[in-house]
Amino acid sequence: MIVVHVSVHVKPERVEEFRRATVENARNSVQEPGVARFDVLQQADDPARFVLVEVYRNPEAPAQHKATAHYQAWAAVALDMMAEPRTRATYANVYPADEGW
């Protein structure tokens, strides 16, 4: 498993629009065979900050995800909603075992 955390700081006036677009992307993403999870988290004390938790089943899955129409549509609209460039960190799964996903 490959776990990616994407941190996004959204322009305050675009929060709801970003949230809707990102949830739509997540709904479609979890249908991909290479995606085990796709969580959208909104920071409780700063609603303009989000973390996307993406869990991929194999090393090819992130690139396959980025090639989908729903990701491309999200990327096209979300970039303008961001207050600053998003950041990402990639992790290797430790626990639970990959079979637990």
N, C-alpha and C. Protein backbone atom coordinates (compact mmCIF):
# COMPACT_ATOMS: atom_id res chain seq x y z
N MET A 1 0.83 -1.19 0.00
CA MET A 1 0.00 0.00 0.00
C MET A 1 0.87 1.25 0.00
N ILE A 2 0.38 2.22 -0.67
CA ILE A 2 1.03 3.53 -0.71
C ILE A 2 0.01 4.52 -0.16
N VAL A 3 0.39 5.26 0.85
CA VAL A 3 -0.52 6.22 1.48
C VAL A 3 0.01 7.62 1.21
N VAL A 4 -0.85 8.46 0.66
CA VAL A 4 -0.47 9.82 0.32
C VAL A 4 -1.35 10.78 1.11
N HIS A 5 -0.71 11.74 1.78
CA HIS A 5 -1.44 12.82 2.45
C HIS A 5 -1.21 14.09 1.64
N VAL A 6 -2.29 14.69 1.19
CA VAL A 6 -2.22 15.93 0.44
C VAL A 6 -2.82 17.03 1.31
N SER A 7 -2.04 18.06 1.60
CA SER A 7 -2.51 19.18 2.40
C SER A 7 -2.87 20.33 1.47
N VAL A 8 -4.08 20.88 1.69
CA VAL A 8 -4.57 21.93 0.81
C VAL A 8 -5.09 23.08 1.67
N HIS A 9 -4.63 24.29 1.34
CA HIS A 9 -5.12 25.51 1.96
C HIS A 9 -5.96 26.22 0.89
N VAL A 10 -7.25 26.38 1.16
CA VAL A 10 -8.19 26.90 0.18
C VAL A 10 -8.49 28.37 0.49
N LYS A 11 -8.74 29.14 -0.55
CA LYS A 11 -9.18 30.53 -0.36
C LYS A 11 -10.49 30.50 0.43
N PRO A 12 -10.62 31.33 1.46
CA PRO A 12 -11.81 31.28 2.32
C PRO A 12 -13.13 31.36 1.56
N GLU A 13 -13.18 32.17 0.54
CA GLU A 13 -14.43 32.33 -0.21
C GLU A 13 -14.73 31.16 -1.15
N ARG A 14 -13.81 30.20 -1.26
CA ARG A 14 -13.99 29.06 -2.16
C ARG A 14 -14.12 27.73 -1.42
N VAL A 15 -14.21 27.77 -0.09
CA VAL A 15 -14.21 26.54 0.71
C VAL A 15 -15.33 25.59 0.31
N GLU A 16 -16.55 26.07 0.25
CA GLU A 16 -17.67 25.16 -0.07
C GLU A 16 -17.56 24.60 -1.47
N GLU A 17 -17.15 25.42 -2.41
CA GLU A 17 -16.97 24.98 -3.79
C GLU A 17 -15.86 23.90 -3.86
N PHE A 18 -14.77 24.14 -3.15
CA PHE A 18 -13.68 23.16 -3.11
C PHE A 18 -14.16 21.86 -2.48
N ARG A 19 -14.88 21.99 -1.40
CA ARG A 19 -15.38 20.80 -0.71
C ARG A 19 -16.25 19.94 -1.63
N ARG A 20 -17.19 20.58 -2.34
CA ARG A 20 -18.07 19.85 -3.26
C ARG A 20 -17.26 19.16 -4.37
N ALA A 21 -16.35 19.88 -4.99
CA ALA A 21 -15.54 19.32 -6.08
C ALA A 21 -14.67 18.17 -5.59
N THR A 22 -14.13 18.30 -4.38
CA THR A 22 -13.22 17.28 -3.85
C THR A 22 -13.98 16.04 -3.43
N VAL A 23 -15.16 16.20 -2.85
CA VAL A 23 -15.98 15.04 -2.50
C VAL A 23 -16.39 14.29 -3.76
N GLU A 24 -16.73 15.00 -4.81
CA GLU A 24 -17.09 14.36 -6.08
C GLU A 24 -15.89 13.57 -6.63
N ASN A 25 -14.71 14.15 -6.56
CA ASN A 25 -13.50 13.44 -7.00
C ASN A 25 -13.28 12.19 -6.13
N ALA A 26 -13.46 12.31 -4.84
CA ALA A 26 -13.27 11.18 -3.93
C ALA A 26 -14.27 10.06 -4.21
N ARG A 27 -15.53 10.43 -4.44
CA ARG A 27 -16.57 9.42 -4.75
C ARG A 27 -16.19 8.60 -5.97
N ASN A 28 -15.66 9.26 -6.97
CA ASN A 28 -15.24 8.55 -8.18
C ASN A 28 -13.93 7.79 -7.96
N SER A 29 -13.04 8.35 -7.17
CA SER A 29 -11.74 7.73 -6.94
C SER A 29 -11.86 6.38 -6.25
N VAL A 30 -12.76 6.26 -5.28
CA VAL A 30 -12.89 4.98 -4.57
C VAL A 30 -13.45 3.88 -5.45
N GLN A 31 -13.92 4.22 -6.63
CA GLN A 31 -14.39 3.22 -7.59
C GLN A 31 -13.24 2.64 -8.41
N GLU A 32 -12.08 3.29 -8.38
CA GLU A 32 -10.93 2.81 -9.13
C GLU A 32 -10.39 1.54 -8.47
N PRO A 33 -10.01 0.53 -9.26
CA PRO A 33 -9.52 -0.71 -8.66
C PRO A 33 -8.23 -0.54 -7.86
N GLY A 34 -7.41 0.46 -8.18
CA GLY A 34 -6.16 0.66 -7.47
C GLY A 34 -6.27 1.52 -6.22
N VAL A 35 -7.47 2.01 -5.91
CA VAL A 35 -7.67 2.89 -4.76
C VAL A 35 -8.37 2.12 -3.64
N ALA A 36 -7.70 2.03 -2.49
CA ALA A 36 -8.29 1.36 -1.33
C ALA A 36 -9.11 2.32 -0.49
N ARG A 37 -8.68 3.58 -0.41
CA ARG A 37 -9.38 4.62 0.36
C ARG A 37 -9.10 5.96 -0.27
N PHE A 38 -10.01 6.88 -0.06
CA PHE A 38 -9.80 8.26 -0.48
C PHE A 38 -10.61 9.11 0.48
N ASP A 39 -9.97 9.61 1.53
CA ASP A 39 -10.66 10.37 2.58
C ASP A 39 -10.44 11.86 2.37
N VAL A 40 -11.49 12.63 2.63
CA VAL A 40 -11.42 14.09 2.57
C VAL A 40 -11.66 14.59 3.99
N LEU A 41 -10.67 15.26 4.56
CA LEU A 41 -10.75 15.77 5.93
C LEU A 41 -10.66 17.29 5.91
N GLN A 42 -11.51 17.93 6.71
CA GLN A 42 -11.51 19.39 6.82
C GLN A 42 -11.10 19.74 8.24
N GLN A 43 -10.15 20.64 8.37
CA GLN A 43 -9.63 21.00 9.69
C GLN A 43 -10.71 21.69 10.52
N ALA A 44 -10.90 21.21 11.75
CA ALA A 44 -11.97 21.70 12.62
C ALA A 44 -11.82 23.17 12.98
N ASP A 45 -10.60 23.61 13.27
CA ASP A 45 -10.42 24.99 13.72
C ASP A 45 -10.03 25.95 12.60
N ASP A 46 -9.91 25.44 11.37
CA ASP A 46 -9.62 26.28 10.21
C ASP A 46 -10.24 25.61 8.99
N PRO A 47 -11.51 25.89 8.70
CA PRO A 47 -12.22 25.19 7.63
C PRO A 47 -11.64 25.39 6.23
N ALA A 48 -10.68 26.29 6.08
CA ALA A 48 -10.05 26.49 4.78
C ALA A 48 -8.90 25.52 4.54
N ARG A 49 -8.65 24.65 5.51
CA ARG A 49 -7.55 23.67 5.37
C ARG A 49 -8.12 22.26 5.31
N PHE A 50 -7.62 21.52 4.34
CA PHE A 50 -8.06 20.15 4.09
C PHE A 50 -6.86 19.23 4.02
N VAL A 51 -7.10 17.96 4.33
CA VAL A 51 -6.12 16.90 4.10
C VAL A 51 -6.85 15.81 3.33
N LEU A 52 -6.26 15.39 2.22
CA LEU A 52 -6.77 14.26 1.46
C LEU A 52 -5.88 13.07 1.79
N VAL A 53 -6.48 11.98 2.20
CA VAL A 53 -5.74 10.76 2.53
C VAL A 53 -6.08 9.75 1.44
N GLU A 54 -5.08 9.47 0.61
CA GLU A 54 -5.27 8.59 -0.53
C GLU A 54 -4.47 7.31 -0.29
N VAL A 55 -5.13 6.17 -0.36
CA VAL A 55 -4.45 4.88 -0.14
C VAL A 55 -4.55 4.08 -1.43
N TYR A 56 -3.39 3.77 -1.98
CA TYR A 56 -3.29 3.06 -3.26
C TYR A 56 -2.80 1.63 -3.04
N ARG A 57 -3.32 0.72 -3.84
CA ARG A 57 -3.01 -0.70 -3.70
C ARG A 57 -1.68 -1.11 -4.31
N ASN A 58 -1.15 -0.34 -5.24
CA ASN A 58 0.11 -0.71 -5.89
C ASN A 58 0.80 0.55 -6.40
N PRO A 59 2.07 0.43 -6.78
CA PRO A 59 2.83 1.62 -7.20
C PRO A 59 2.31 2.30 -8.47
N GLU A 60 1.58 1.56 -9.30
CA GLU A 60 1.06 2.14 -10.53
C GLU A 60 -0.22 2.95 -10.31
N ALA A 61 -0.91 2.68 -9.23
CA ALA A 61 -2.23 3.27 -9.00
C ALA A 61 -2.24 4.80 -8.92
N PRO A 62 -1.26 5.46 -8.29
CA PRO A 62 -1.32 6.93 -8.27
C PRO A 62 -1.30 7.55 -9.68
N ALA A 63 -0.46 7.03 -10.56
CA ALA A 63 -0.42 7.56 -11.93
C ALA A 63 -1.71 7.23 -12.67
N GLN A 64 -2.25 6.05 -12.44
CA GLN A 64 -3.53 5.69 -13.07
C GLN A 64 -4.63 6.62 -12.59
N HIS A 65 -4.61 6.96 -11.31
CA HIS A 65 -5.60 7.88 -10.75
C HIS A 65 -5.50 9.24 -11.44
N LYS A 66 -4.30 9.75 -11.60
CA LYS A 66 -4.11 11.07 -12.20
C LYS A 66 -4.50 11.10 -13.68
N ALA A 67 -4.62 9.94 -14.30
CA ALA A 67 -5.02 9.87 -15.70
C ALA A 67 -6.53 9.81 -15.90
N THR A 68 -7.30 9.71 -14.80
CA THR A 68 -8.76 9.58 -14.93
C THR A 68 -9.40 10.93 -15.25
N ALA A 69 -10.57 10.85 -15.86
CA ALA A 69 -11.31 12.07 -16.20
C ALA A 69 -11.74 12.83 -14.95
N HIS A 70 -12.14 12.10 -13.88
CA HIS A 70 -12.59 12.81 -12.69
C HIS A 70 -11.45 13.54 -11.99
N TYR A 71 -10.24 12.96 -11.98
CA TYR A 71 -9.10 13.67 -11.40
C TYR A 71 -8.76 14.90 -12.24
N GLN A 72 -8.73 14.73 -13.55
CA GLN A 72 -8.40 15.83 -14.45
C GLN A 72 -9.39 16.99 -14.27
N ALA A 73 -10.67 16.65 -14.13
CA ALA A 73 -11.69 17.68 -13.92
C ALA A 73 -11.48 18.39 -12.59
N TRP A 74 -11.17 17.61 -11.53
CA TRP A 74 -10.91 18.21 -10.22
C TRP A 74 -9.69 19.12 -10.29
N ALA A 75 -8.62 18.63 -10.86
CA ALA A 75 -7.38 19.41 -10.92
C ALA A 75 -7.59 20.72 -11.68
N ALA A 76 -8.40 20.68 -12.71
CA ALA A 76 -8.64 21.88 -13.52
C ALA A 76 -9.36 22.98 -12.73
N VAL A 77 -10.26 22.60 -11.85
CA VAL A 77 -11.01 23.62 -11.10
C VAL A 77 -10.40 23.91 -9.73
N ALA A 78 -9.80 22.92 -9.10
CA ALA A 78 -9.32 23.08 -7.72
C ALA A 78 -8.11 24.00 -7.62
N LEU A 79 -7.27 24.00 -8.61
CA LEU A 79 -6.04 24.80 -8.55
C LEU A 79 -6.36 26.27 -8.28
N ASP A 80 -7.37 26.80 -8.92
CA ASP A 80 -7.74 28.21 -8.75
C ASP A 80 -8.36 28.49 -7.38
N MET A 81 -8.81 27.44 -6.69
CA MET A 81 -9.43 27.61 -5.38
C MET A 81 -8.41 27.63 -4.24
N MET A 82 -7.18 27.27 -4.55
CA MET A 82 -6.16 27.12 -3.50
C MET A 82 -5.50 28.45 -3.18
N ALA A 83 -5.28 28.69 -1.88
CA ALA A 83 -4.62 29.90 -1.41
C ALA A 83 -3.11 29.81 -1.62
N GLU A 84 -2.61 28.59 -1.71
CA GLU A 84 -1.17 28.34 -1.92
C GLU A 84 -1.04 26.95 -2.53
N PRO A 85 0.10 26.63 -3.12
CA PRO A 85 0.24 25.29 -3.72
C PRO A 85 0.06 24.19 -2.68
N ARG A 86 -0.61 23.12 -3.09
CA ARG A 86 -0.81 21.98 -2.19
C ARG A 86 0.52 21.27 -1.98
N THR A 87 0.61 20.59 -0.86
CA THR A 87 1.79 19.79 -0.56
C THR A 87 1.36 18.35 -0.39
N ARG A 88 2.31 17.44 -0.56
CA ARG A 88 2.00 16.02 -0.42
C ARG A 88 3.18 15.30 0.21
N ALA A 89 2.82 14.28 0.96
CA ALA A 89 3.82 13.40 1.57
C ALA A 89 3.36 11.97 1.30
N THR A 90 4.30 11.12 0.93
CA THR A 90 3.99 9.73 0.61
C THR A 90 4.55 8.84 1.70
N TYR A 91 3.75 7.87 2.14
CA TYR A 91 4.11 6.97 3.23
C TYR A 91 3.98 5.52 2.79
N ALA A 92 4.76 4.68 3.43
CA ALA A 92 4.60 3.23 3.27
C ALA A 92 3.73 2.74 4.43
N ASN A 93 2.81 1.87 4.14
CA ASN A 93 1.94 1.33 5.17
C ASN A 93 2.72 0.45 6.14
N VAL A 94 2.46 0.58 7.43
CA VAL A 94 3.08 -0.24 8.47
C VAL A 94 2.01 -1.12 9.14
N TYR A 95 0.94 -0.48 9.62
CA TYR A 95 -0.12 -1.21 10.32
C TYR A 95 -1.43 -0.50 10.09
N PRO A 96 -2.49 -1.19 9.83
CA PRO A 96 -2.63 -2.63 9.74
C PRO A 96 -1.96 -3.17 8.46
N ALA A 97 -1.77 -4.46 8.42
CA ALA A 97 -1.15 -5.08 7.25
C ALA A 97 -1.97 -4.74 6.01
N ASP A 98 -1.33 -4.76 4.86
CA ASP A 98 -2.01 -4.43 3.62
C ASP A 98 -3.30 -5.23 3.43
N GLU A 99 -3.30 -6.45 3.86
CA GLU A 99 -4.49 -7.30 3.72
C GLU A 99 -5.66 -6.76 4.55
N GLY A 100 -5.38 -5.92 5.54
CA GLY A 100 -6.42 -5.35 6.39
C GLY A 100 -7.17 -4.21 5.75
N TRP A 101 -6.73 -3.75 4.60
CA TRP A 101 -7.40 -2.65 3.92
C TRP A 101 -8.51 -3.22 3.11
